[in-house]
All heavy atoms as atom14 arrays in JSON, in Angstrom:
{
  "sequence": "LALRDAEYAEATQYCRQILDVDPYQEEAYQTLMYVHGKRGELGSVKS",
  "atom14_mask": [
    [1, 1, 1, 1, 1, 1, 1, 1, 0, 0, 0, 0, 0, 0],
    [1, 1, 1, 1, 1, 0, 0, 0, 0, 0, 0, 0, 0, 0],
    [1, 1, 1, 1, 1, 1, 1, 1, 0, 0, 0, 0, 0, 0],
    [1, 1, 1, 1, 1, 1, 1, 1, 1, 1, 1, 0, 0, 0],
    [1, 1, 1, 1, 1, 1, 1, 1, 0, 0, 0, 0, 0, 0],
    [1, 1, 1, 1, 1, 0, 0, 0, 0, 0, 0, 0, 0, 0],
    [1, 1, 1, 1, 1, 1, 1, 1, 1, 0, 0, 0, 0, 0],
    [1, 1, 1, 1, 1, 1, 1, 1, 1, 1, 1, 1, 0, 0],
    [1, 1, 1, 1, 1, 0, 0, 0, 0, 0, 0, 0, 0, 0],
    [1, 1, 1, 1, 1, 1, 1, 1, 1, 0, 0, 0, 0, 0],
    [1, 1, 1, 1, 1, 0, 0, 0, 0, 0, 0, 0, 0, 0],
    [1, 1, 1, 1, 1, 1, 1, 0, 0, 0, 0, 0, 0, 0],
    [1, 1, 1, 1, 1, 1, 1, 1, 1, 0, 0, 0, 0, 0],
    [1, 1, 1, 1, 1, 1, 1, 1, 1, 1, 1, 1, 0, 0],
    [1, 1, 1, 1, 1, 1, 0, 0, 0, 0, 0, 0, 0, 0],
    [1, 1, 1, 1, 1, 1, 1, 1, 1, 1, 1, 0, 0, 0],
    [1, 1, 1, 1, 1, 1, 1, 1, 1, 0, 0, 0, 0, 0],
    [1, 1, 1, 1, 1, 1, 1, 1, 0, 0, 0, 0, 0, 0],
    [1, 1, 1, 1, 1, 1, 1, 1, 0, 0, 0, 0, 0, 0],
    [1, 1, 1, 1, 1, 1, 1, 1, 0, 0, 0, 0, 0, 0],
    [1, 1, 1, 1, 1, 1, 1, 0, 0, 0, 0, 0, 0, 0],
    [1, 1, 1, 1, 1, 1, 1, 1, 0, 0, 0, 0, 0, 0],
    [1, 1, 1, 1, 1, 1, 1, 0, 0, 0, 0, 0, 0, 0],
    [1, 1, 1, 1, 1, 1, 1, 1, 1, 1, 1, 1, 0, 0],
    [1, 1, 1, 1, 1, 1, 1, 1, 1, 0, 0, 0, 0, 0],
    [1, 1, 1, 1, 1, 1, 1, 1, 1, 0, 0, 0, 0, 0],
    [1, 1, 1, 1, 1, 1, 1, 1, 1, 0, 0, 0, 0, 0],
    [1, 1, 1, 1, 1, 0, 0, 0, 0, 0, 0, 0, 0, 0],
    [1, 1, 1, 1, 1, 1, 1, 1, 1, 1, 1, 1, 0, 0],
    [1, 1, 1, 1, 1, 1, 1, 1, 1, 0, 0, 0, 0, 0],
    [1, 1, 1, 1, 1, 1, 1, 0, 0, 0, 0, 0, 0, 0],
    [1, 1, 1, 1, 1, 1, 1, 1, 0, 0, 0, 0, 0, 0],
    [1, 1, 1, 1, 1, 1, 1, 1, 0, 0, 0, 0, 0, 0],
    [1, 1, 1, 1, 1, 1, 1, 1, 1, 1, 1, 1, 0, 0],
    [1, 1, 1, 1, 1, 1, 1, 0, 0, 0, 0, 0, 0, 0],
    [1, 1, 1, 1, 1, 1, 1, 1, 1, 1, 0, 0, 0, 0],
    [1, 1, 1, 1, 0, 0, 0, 0, 0, 0, 0, 0, 0, 0],
    [1, 1, 1, 1, 1, 1, 1, 1, 1, 0, 0, 0, 0, 0],
    [1, 1, 1, 1, 1, 1, 1, 1, 1, 1, 1, 0, 0, 0],
    [1, 1, 1, 1, 0, 0, 0, 0, 0, 0, 0, 0, 0, 0],
    [1, 1, 1, 1, 1, 1, 1, 1, 1, 0, 0, 0, 0, 0],
    [1, 1, 1, 1, 1, 1, 1, 1, 0, 0, 0, 0, 0, 0],
    [1, 1, 1, 1, 0, 0, 0, 0, 0, 0, 0, 0, 0, 0],
    [1, 1, 1, 1, 1, 1, 0, 0, 0, 0, 0, 0, 0, 0],
    [1, 1, 1, 1, 1, 1, 1, 0, 0, 0, 0, 0, 0, 0],
    [1, 1, 1, 1, 1, 1, 1, 1, 1, 0, 0, 0, 0, 0],
    [1, 1, 1, 1, 1, 1, 0, 0, 0, 0, 0, 0, 0, 0]
  ],
  "atom14_positions": [
    [[-1.17, -9.31, -7.51], [-0.54, -10.62, -7.37], [0.25, -10.71, -6.07], [0.26, -11.75, -5.39], [0.36, -10.91, -8.58], [-0.36, -11.15, -9.91], [0.64, -11.21, -11.06], [-1.18, -12.44, -9.87], [0.0, 0.0, 0.0], [0.0, 0.0, 0.0], [0.0, 0.0, 0.0], [0.0, 0.0, 0.0], [0.0, 0.0, 0.0], [0.0, 0.0, 0.0]],
    [[0.95, -9.62, -5.72], [1.72, -9.62, -4.48], [0.79, -9.72, -3.27], [1.08, -10.46, -2.31], [2.57, -8.35, -4.4], [0.0, 0.0, 0.0], [0.0, 0.0, 0.0], [0.0, 0.0, 0.0], [0.0, 0.0, 0.0], [0.0, 0.0, 0.0], [0.0, 0.0, 0.0], [0.0, 0.0, 0.0], [0.0, 0.0, 0.0], [0.0, 0.0, 0.0]],
    [[-0.32, -9.01, -3.29], [-1.27, -9.09, -2.18], [-1.85, -10.5, -2.06], [-2.02, -11.02, -0.96], [-2.4, -8.08, -2.37], [-2.09, -6.63, -2.01], [-3.27, -5.74, -2.38], [-1.77, -6.5, -0.53], [0.0, 0.0, 0.0], [0.0, 0.0, 0.0], [0.0, 0.0, 0.0], [0.0, 0.0, 0.0], [0.0, 0.0, 0.0], [0.0, 0.0, 0.0]],
    [[-2.15, -11.09, -3.21], [-2.72, -12.44, -3.2], [-1.78, -13.43, -2.53], [-2.22, -14.36, -1.82], [-3.01, -12.88, -4.63], [-3.78, -14.19, -4.74], [-3.79, -14.69, -6.16], [-2.45, -15.13, -6.58], [-2.17, -15.58, -7.81], [-3.11, -15.62, -8.72], [-0.95, -15.97, -8.11], [0.0, 0.0, 0.0], [0.0, 0.0, 0.0], [0.0, 0.0, 0.0]],
    [[-0.47, -13.22, -2.73], [0.52, -14.12, -2.15], [1.06, -13.62, -0.82], [2.06, -14.15, -0.32], [1.69, -14.3, -3.14], [1.25, -15.01, -4.42], [0.23, -15.73, -4.36], [1.91, -14.84, -5.46], [0.0, 0.0, 0.0], [0.0, 0.0, 0.0], [0.0, 0.0, 0.0], [0.0, 0.0, 0.0], [0.0, 0.0, 0.0], [0.0, 0.0, 0.0]],
    [[0.39, -12.6, -0.26], [0.79, -12.03, 1.03], [2.22, -11.49, 1.01], [2.92, -11.49, 2.03], [0.62, -13.05, 2.16], [0.0, 0.0, 0.0], [0.0, 0.0, 0.0], [0.0, 0.0, 0.0], [0.0, 0.0, 0.0], [0.0, 0.0, 0.0], [0.0, 0.0, 0.0], [0.0, 0.0, 0.0], [0.0, 0.0, 0.0], [0.0, 0.0, 0.0]],
    [[2.68, -11.04, -0.15], [4.0, -10.42, -0.27], [3.83, -8.92, -0.08], [3.84, -8.12, -1.01], [4.62, -10.76, -1.63], [4.88, -12.25, -1.81], [5.37, -12.59, -3.21], [5.23, -11.73, -4.12], [5.87, -13.71, -3.4], [0.0, 0.0, 0.0], [0.0, 0.0, 0.0], [0.0, 0.0, 0.0], [0.0, 0.0, 0.0], [0.0, 0.0, 0.0]],
    [[3.67, -8.52, 1.18], [3.25, -7.16, 1.48], [4.34, -6.13, 1.17], [4.03, -5.0, 0.78], [2.82, -7.07, 2.94], [1.58, -7.89, 3.23], [1.49, -8.69, 4.36], [0.49, -7.87, 2.35], [0.35, -9.44, 4.63], [-0.64, -8.62, 2.61], [-0.71, -9.4, 3.74], [-1.85, -10.14, 3.99], [0.0, 0.0, 0.0], [0.0, 0.0, 0.0]],
    [[5.59, -6.47, 1.38], [6.66, -5.52, 1.08], [6.68, -5.18, -0.41], [6.81, -4.01, -0.79], [8.01, -6.09, 1.51], [0.0, 0.0, 0.0], [0.0, 0.0, 0.0], [0.0, 0.0, 0.0], [0.0, 0.0, 0.0], [0.0, 0.0, 0.0], [0.0, 0.0, 0.0], [0.0, 0.0, 0.0], [0.0, 0.0, 0.0], [0.0, 0.0, 0.0]],
    [[6.53, -6.21, -1.24], [6.49, -5.98, -2.68], [5.25, -5.17, -3.06], [5.32, -4.25, -3.89], [6.49, -7.3, -3.44], [7.82, -8.04, -3.41], [8.0, -8.88, -2.14], [7.15, -8.76, -1.23], [8.99, -9.62, -2.08], [0.0, 0.0, 0.0], [0.0, 0.0, 0.0], [0.0, 0.0, 0.0], [0.0, 0.0, 0.0], [0.0, 0.0, 0.0]],
    [[4.13, -5.47, -2.44], [2.89, -4.75, -2.76], [3.03, -3.26, -2.46], [2.6, -2.41, -3.26], [1.73, -5.34, -1.98], [0.0, 0.0, 0.0], [0.0, 0.0, 0.0], [0.0, 0.0, 0.0], [0.0, 0.0, 0.0], [0.0, 0.0, 0.0], [0.0, 0.0, 0.0], [0.0, 0.0, 0.0], [0.0, 0.0, 0.0], [0.0, 0.0, 0.0]],
    [[3.63, -2.93, -1.31], [3.79, -1.52, -0.98], [4.76, -0.82, -1.93], [4.56, 0.35, -2.29], [4.27, -1.34, 0.47], [5.5, -2.05, 0.66], [3.23, -1.86, 1.45], [0.0, 0.0, 0.0], [0.0, 0.0, 0.0], [0.0, 0.0, 0.0], [0.0, 0.0, 0.0], [0.0, 0.0, 0.0], [0.0, 0.0, 0.0], [0.0, 0.0, 0.0]],
    [[5.79, -1.54, -2.38], [6.73, -0.94, -3.35], [6.02, -0.64, -4.66], [6.23, 0.42, -5.27], [7.92, -1.87, -3.59], [8.94, -1.32, -4.57], [9.5, 0.01, -4.13], [9.82, 0.21, -2.96], [9.63, 0.95, -5.06], [0.0, 0.0, 0.0], [0.0, 0.0, 0.0], [0.0, 0.0, 0.0], [0.0, 0.0, 0.0], [0.0, 0.0, 0.0]],
    [[5.18, -1.55, -5.11], [4.43, -1.3, -6.34], [3.5, -0.11, -6.17], [3.31, 0.69, -7.11], [3.64, -2.54, -6.75], [4.5, -3.75, -7.07], [4.13, -5.03, -6.64], [5.68, -3.61, -7.78], [4.92, -6.13, -6.93], [6.47, -4.72, -8.06], [6.09, -5.97, -7.63], [6.87, -7.06, -7.92], [0.0, 0.0, 0.0], [0.0, 0.0, 0.0]],
    [[2.92, 0.03, -4.99], [2.04, 1.18, -4.74], [2.81, 2.48, -4.84], [2.31, 3.47, -5.42], [1.41, 1.06, -3.36], [0.14, -0.21, -3.24], [0.0, 0.0, 0.0], [0.0, 0.0, 0.0], [0.0, 0.0, 0.0], [0.0, 0.0, 0.0], [0.0, 0.0, 0.0], [0.0, 0.0, 0.0], [0.0, 0.0, 0.0], [0.0, 0.0, 0.0]],
    [[4.0, 2.52, -4.29], [4.8, 3.75, -4.38], [5.12, 4.07, -5.83], [5.11, 5.24, -6.24], [6.09, 3.59, -3.56], [5.88, 3.35, -2.08], [5.15, 4.51, -1.41], [5.96, 5.72, -1.42], [6.79, 6.08, -0.45], [6.94, 5.29, 0.62], [7.48, 7.2, -0.51], [0.0, 0.0, 0.0], [0.0, 0.0, 0.0], [0.0, 0.0, 0.0]],
    [[5.41, 3.05, -6.63], [5.68, 3.29, -8.05], [4.42, 3.76, -8.78], [4.51, 4.62, -9.66], [6.22, 2.01, -8.69], [7.63, 1.65, -8.22], [8.11, 0.33, -8.8], [7.83, -0.74, -8.29], [8.82, 0.42, -9.91], [0.0, 0.0, 0.0], [0.0, 0.0, 0.0], [0.0, 0.0, 0.0], [0.0, 0.0, 0.0], [0.0, 0.0, 0.0]],
    [[3.28, 3.2, -8.43], [2.02, 3.65, -9.02], [1.83, 5.14, -8.75], [1.5, 5.92, -9.66], [0.84, 2.85, -8.46], [0.85, 1.43, -9.01], [-0.5, 3.53, -8.79], [-0.1, 0.48, -8.29], [0.0, 0.0, 0.0], [0.0, 0.0, 0.0], [0.0, 0.0, 0.0], [0.0, 0.0, 0.0], [0.0, 0.0, 0.0], [0.0, 0.0, 0.0]],
    [[2.05, 5.55, -7.51], [1.83, 6.95, -7.14], [2.88, 7.87, -7.75], [2.61, 9.07, -7.94], [1.8, 7.08, -5.62], [0.64, 6.34, -4.95], [0.75, 6.43, -3.43], [-0.7, 6.88, -5.43], [0.0, 0.0, 0.0], [0.0, 0.0, 0.0], [0.0, 0.0, 0.0], [0.0, 0.0, 0.0], [0.0, 0.0, 0.0], [0.0, 0.0, 0.0]],
    [[4.05, 7.35, -8.06], [5.04, 8.15, -8.78], [4.54, 8.49, -10.18], [4.83, 9.57, -10.71], [6.37, 7.4, -8.89], [7.15, 7.41, -7.58], [6.86, 8.26, -6.72], [8.05, 6.55, -7.42], [0.0, 0.0, 0.0], [0.0, 0.0, 0.0], [0.0, 0.0, 0.0], [0.0, 0.0, 0.0], [0.0, 0.0, 0.0], [0.0, 0.0, 0.0]],
    [[3.82, 7.56, -10.79], [3.28, 7.79, -12.13], [2.0, 8.61, -12.08], [1.79, 9.53, -12.89], [3.01, 6.44, -12.85], [2.4, 6.67, -14.23], [4.31, 5.65, -12.98], [0.0, 0.0, 0.0], [0.0, 0.0, 0.0], [0.0, 0.0, 0.0], [0.0, 0.0, 0.0], [0.0, 0.0, 0.0], [0.0, 0.0, 0.0], [0.0, 0.0, 0.0]],
    [[1.13, 8.29, -11.13], [-0.16, 8.97, -11.03], [-0.54, 9.08, -9.55], [-0.94, 8.09, -8.93], [-1.24, 8.19, -11.77], [-2.59, 8.89, -11.78], [-2.74, 9.91, -11.06], [-3.5, 8.44, -12.5], [0.0, 0.0, 0.0], [0.0, 0.0, 0.0], [0.0, 0.0, 0.0], [0.0, 0.0, 0.0], [0.0, 0.0, 0.0], [0.0, 0.0, 0.0]],
    [[-0.42, 10.27, -8.96], [-0.68, 10.43, -7.53], [-2.14, 10.36, -7.14], [-2.47, 10.5, -5.96], [-0.11, 11.82, -7.23], [-0.22, 12.56, -8.52], [0.02, 11.53, -9.59], [0.0, 0.0, 0.0], [0.0, 0.0, 0.0], [0.0, 0.0, 0.0], [0.0, 0.0, 0.0], [0.0, 0.0, 0.0], [0.0, 0.0, 0.0], [0.0, 0.0, 0.0]],
    [[-3.04, 10.11, -8.12], [-4.47, 10.08, -7.83], [-5.05, 8.67, -7.89], [-6.27, 8.5, -7.91], [-5.23, 10.98, -8.81], [-4.66, 12.37, -8.87], [-4.13, 12.88, -10.05], [-4.63, 13.2, -7.75], [-3.59, 14.15, -10.11], [-4.1, 14.47, -7.79], [-3.58, 14.95, -8.98], [-3.03, 16.21, -9.03], [0.0, 0.0, 0.0], [0.0, 0.0, 0.0]],
    [[-4.19, 7.65, -7.9], [-4.66, 6.27, -7.95], [-5.06, 5.82, -6.55], [-4.24, 5.41, -5.74], [-3.56, 5.37, -8.51], [-3.22, 5.64, -9.96], [-4.24, 5.02, -10.9], [-4.59, 3.86, -10.77], [-4.71, 5.8, -11.87], [0.0, 0.0, 0.0], [0.0, 0.0, 0.0], [0.0, 0.0, 0.0], [0.0, 0.0, 0.0], [0.0, 0.0, 0.0]],
    [[-6.36, 5.89, -6.25], [-6.83, 5.68, -4.89], [-6.61, 4.24, -4.41], [-6.4, 4.01, -3.21], [-8.3, 6.06, -4.78], [-8.77, 6.27, -3.36], [-10.1, 6.98, -3.27], [-10.63, 7.44, -4.32], [-10.62, 7.08, -2.15], [0.0, 0.0, 0.0], [0.0, 0.0, 0.0], [0.0, 0.0, 0.0], [0.0, 0.0, 0.0], [0.0, 0.0, 0.0]],
    [[-6.64, 3.28, -5.33], [-6.41, 1.89, -4.92], [-5.04, 1.71, -4.29], [-4.86, 0.87, -3.39], [-6.57, 0.95, -6.11], [-8.0, 0.65, -6.5], [-8.04, -0.35, -7.63], [-7.63, 0.0, -8.74], [-8.47, -1.49, -7.38], [0.0, 0.0, 0.0], [0.0, 0.0, 0.0], [0.0, 0.0, 0.0], [0.0, 0.0, 0.0], [0.0, 0.0, 0.0]],
    [[-4.05, 2.46, -4.76], [-2.71, 2.35, -4.19], [-2.71, 2.83, -2.74], [-2.07, 2.22, -1.87], [-1.72, 3.15, -5.03], [0.0, 0.0, 0.0], [0.0, 0.0, 0.0], [0.0, 0.0, 0.0], [0.0, 0.0, 0.0], [0.0, 0.0, 0.0], [0.0, 0.0, 0.0], [0.0, 0.0, 0.0], [0.0, 0.0, 0.0], [0.0, 0.0, 0.0]],
    [[-3.39, 3.92, -2.48], [-3.49, 4.4, -1.09], [-4.22, 3.38, -0.21], [-3.83, 3.13, 0.94], [-4.24, 5.73, -1.04], [-3.53, 6.87, -1.71], [-3.96, 7.36, -2.93], [-2.41, 7.46, -1.12], [-3.32, 8.41, -3.55], [-1.74, 8.51, -1.74], [-2.21, 8.98, -2.96], [-1.55, 10.02, -3.57], [0.0, 0.0, 0.0], [0.0, 0.0, 0.0]],
    [[-5.27, 2.77, -0.76], [-6.01, 1.77, 0.01], [-5.11, 0.59, 0.38], [-5.15, 0.08, 1.51], [-7.21, 1.29, -0.8], [-8.28, 2.36, -0.99], [-9.35, 1.93, -1.98], [-9.22, 0.9, -2.65], [-10.41, 2.71, -2.08], [0.0, 0.0, 0.0], [0.0, 0.0, 0.0], [0.0, 0.0, 0.0], [0.0, 0.0, 0.0], [0.0, 0.0, 0.0]],
    [[-4.29, 0.16, -0.57], [-3.39, -0.96, -0.28], [-2.38, -0.58, 0.79], [-2.09, -1.37, 1.7], [-2.67, -1.41, -1.57], [-3.63, -1.89, -2.5], [-1.66, -2.51, -1.27], [0.0, 0.0, 0.0], [0.0, 0.0, 0.0], [0.0, 0.0, 0.0], [0.0, 0.0, 0.0], [0.0, 0.0, 0.0], [0.0, 0.0, 0.0], [0.0, 0.0, 0.0]],
    [[-1.81, 0.62, 0.68], [-0.85, 1.06, 1.69], [-1.5, 1.13, 3.07], [-0.91, 0.71, 4.07], [-0.28, 2.43, 1.3], [0.68, 2.43, 0.11], [0.91, 3.84, -0.41], [2.01, 1.78, 0.48], [0.0, 0.0, 0.0], [0.0, 0.0, 0.0], [0.0, 0.0, 0.0], [0.0, 0.0, 0.0], [0.0, 0.0, 0.0], [0.0, 0.0, 0.0]],
    [[-2.72, 1.63, 3.13], [-3.44, 1.7, 4.4], [-3.71, 0.3, 4.94], [-3.55, 0.03, 6.14], [-4.75, 2.46, 4.22], [-4.57, 3.95, 3.91], [-6.12, 4.74, 3.38], [-7.12, 4.51, 4.86], [0.0, 0.0, 0.0], [0.0, 0.0, 0.0], [0.0, 0.0, 0.0], [0.0, 0.0, 0.0], [0.0, 0.0, 0.0], [0.0, 0.0, 0.0]],
    [[-4.09, -0.6, 4.05], [-4.39, -1.98, 4.46], [-3.14, -2.67, 5.03], [-3.18, -3.28, 6.11], [-4.93, -2.75, 3.27], [-5.02, -4.24, 3.49], [-5.95, -4.77, 4.37], [-4.17, -5.12, 2.82], [-6.03, -6.14, 4.59], [-4.25, -6.48, 3.03], [-5.18, -6.98, 3.91], [-5.26, -8.33, 4.12], [0.0, 0.0, 0.0], [0.0, 0.0, 0.0]],
    [[-2.03, -2.57, 4.32], [-0.81, -3.25, 4.76], [-0.34, -2.69, 6.1], [-0.01, -3.45, 7.02], [0.29, -3.12, 3.68], [1.62, -3.63, 4.23], [-0.1, -3.91, 2.43], [0.0, 0.0, 0.0], [0.0, 0.0, 0.0], [0.0, 0.0, 0.0], [0.0, 0.0, 0.0], [0.0, 0.0, 0.0], [0.0, 0.0, 0.0], [0.0, 0.0, 0.0]],
    [[-0.32, -1.37, 6.23], [0.11, -0.78, 7.5], [-0.88, -1.13, 8.62], [-0.48, -1.35, 9.77], [0.24, 0.73, 7.36], [1.46, 1.15, 6.61], [2.75, 0.97, 7.1], [1.6, 1.76, 5.39], [3.62, 1.43, 6.22], [2.96, 1.92, 5.18], [0.0, 0.0, 0.0], [0.0, 0.0, 0.0], [0.0, 0.0, 0.0], [0.0, 0.0, 0.0]],
    [[-2.17, -1.2, 8.26], [-3.16, -1.57, 9.26], [-2.97, -3.0, 9.74], [-3.09, -3.29, 10.94], [0.0, 0.0, 0.0], [0.0, 0.0, 0.0], [0.0, 0.0, 0.0], [0.0, 0.0, 0.0], [0.0, 0.0, 0.0], [0.0, 0.0, 0.0], [0.0, 0.0, 0.0], [0.0, 0.0, 0.0], [0.0, 0.0, 0.0], [0.0, 0.0, 0.0]],
    [[-2.66, -3.91, 8.82], [-2.42, -5.3, 9.21], [-1.21, -5.42, 10.13], [-1.11, -6.33, 10.95], [-2.21, -6.17, 7.96], [-3.46, -6.32, 7.09], [-4.52, -7.19, 7.75], [-4.16, -8.65, 7.69], [-5.25, -9.52, 8.21], [0.0, 0.0, 0.0], [0.0, 0.0, 0.0], [0.0, 0.0, 0.0], [0.0, 0.0, 0.0], [0.0, 0.0, 0.0]],
    [[-0.27, -4.48, 9.98], [0.93, -4.49, 10.82], [0.71, -3.74, 12.13], [1.62, -3.67, 12.96], [2.09, -3.84, 10.06], [2.59, -4.62, 8.87], [3.6, -3.81, 8.09], [4.19, -4.56, 6.98], [4.9, -4.0, 6.0], [5.12, -2.69, 6.01], [5.39, -4.74, 5.04], [0.0, 0.0, 0.0], [0.0, 0.0, 0.0], [0.0, 0.0, 0.0]],
    [[-0.45, -3.14, 12.29], [-0.72, -2.37, 13.49], [-0.1, -0.99, 13.48], [-0.03, -0.33, 14.53], [0.0, 0.0, 0.0], [0.0, 0.0, 0.0], [0.0, 0.0, 0.0], [0.0, 0.0, 0.0], [0.0, 0.0, 0.0], [0.0, 0.0, 0.0], [0.0, 0.0, 0.0], [0.0, 0.0, 0.0], [0.0, 0.0, 0.0], [0.0, 0.0, 0.0]],
    [[0.32, -0.53, 12.32], [0.96, 0.8, 12.19], [-0.11, 1.84, 11.89], [-0.22, 2.34, 10.77], [2.03, 0.74, 11.1], [3.12, -0.27, 11.42], [3.99, -0.63, 10.22], [3.64, -0.26, 9.08], [5.02, -1.29, 10.42], [0.0, 0.0, 0.0], [0.0, 0.0, 0.0], [0.0, 0.0, 0.0], [0.0, 0.0, 0.0], [0.0, 0.0, 0.0]],
    [[-0.89, 2.15, 12.9], [-2.08, 2.97, 12.69], [-1.74, 4.42, 12.32], [-2.49, 5.08, 11.61], [-2.95, 2.94, 13.94], [-3.44, 1.54, 14.37], [-4.39, 1.65, 15.54], [-4.09, 0.82, 13.19], [0.0, 0.0, 0.0], [0.0, 0.0, 0.0], [0.0, 0.0, 0.0], [0.0, 0.0, 0.0], [0.0, 0.0, 0.0], [0.0, 0.0, 0.0]],
    [[-0.61, 4.92, 12.8], [-0.19, 6.26, 12.41], [0.05, 6.36, 10.92], [-0.31, 7.35, 10.28], [0.0, 0.0, 0.0], [0.0, 0.0, 0.0], [0.0, 0.0, 0.0], [0.0, 0.0, 0.0], [0.0, 0.0, 0.0], [0.0, 0.0, 0.0], [0.0, 0.0, 0.0], [0.0, 0.0, 0.0], [0.0, 0.0, 0.0], [0.0, 0.0, 0.0]],
    [[0.65, 5.31, 10.35], [0.9, 5.3, 8.9], [-0.41, 5.17, 8.13], [-0.55, 5.76, 7.05], [1.84, 4.14, 8.54], [3.12, 4.34, 9.1], [0.0, 0.0, 0.0], [0.0, 0.0, 0.0], [0.0, 0.0, 0.0], [0.0, 0.0, 0.0], [0.0, 0.0, 0.0], [0.0, 0.0, 0.0], [0.0, 0.0, 0.0], [0.0, 0.0, 0.0]],
    [[-1.35, 4.4, 8.67], [-2.65, 4.31, 8.03], [-3.28, 5.69, 7.92], [-3.76, 6.11, 6.86], [-3.59, 3.37, 8.82], [-4.99, 3.37, 8.19], [-3.02, 1.97, 8.87], [0.0, 0.0, 0.0], [0.0, 0.0, 0.0], [0.0, 0.0, 0.0], [0.0, 0.0, 0.0], [0.0, 0.0, 0.0], [0.0, 0.0, 0.0], [0.0, 0.0, 0.0]],
    [[-3.28, 6.43, 9.03], [-3.86, 7.78, 9.05], [-3.09, 8.71, 8.11], [-3.7, 9.53, 7.38], [-3.83, 8.32, 10.47], [-4.41, 9.73, 10.62], [-5.89, 9.76, 10.34], [-6.54, 11.05, 10.88], [-5.93, 12.27, 10.36], [0.0, 0.0, 0.0], [0.0, 0.0, 0.0], [0.0, 0.0, 0.0], [0.0, 0.0, 0.0], [0.0, 0.0, 0.0]],
    [[-1.79, 8.6, 8.07], [-0.97, 9.48, 7.22], [-1.28, 9.26, 5.74], [-1.45, 10.22, 4.98], [0.52, 9.24, 7.48], [0.87, 9.65, 8.79], [0.0, 0.0, 0.0], [0.0, 0.0, 0.0], [0.0, 0.0, 0.0], [0.0, 0.0, 0.0], [0.0, 0.0, 0.0], [0.0, 0.0, 0.0], [0.0, 0.0, 0.0], [0.0, 0.0, 0.0]]
  ]
}
């Protein structure tokens, strides 16, 4: 829902919470990579 509304800060926070519960949720990593990529933060995308 946050991604749909372009609320990227909230989306990344939810991803961090997802990974706190289950570090193998690949969709959360994809979202983090996408948001950082849209911001041009390519080092974070790679990390």
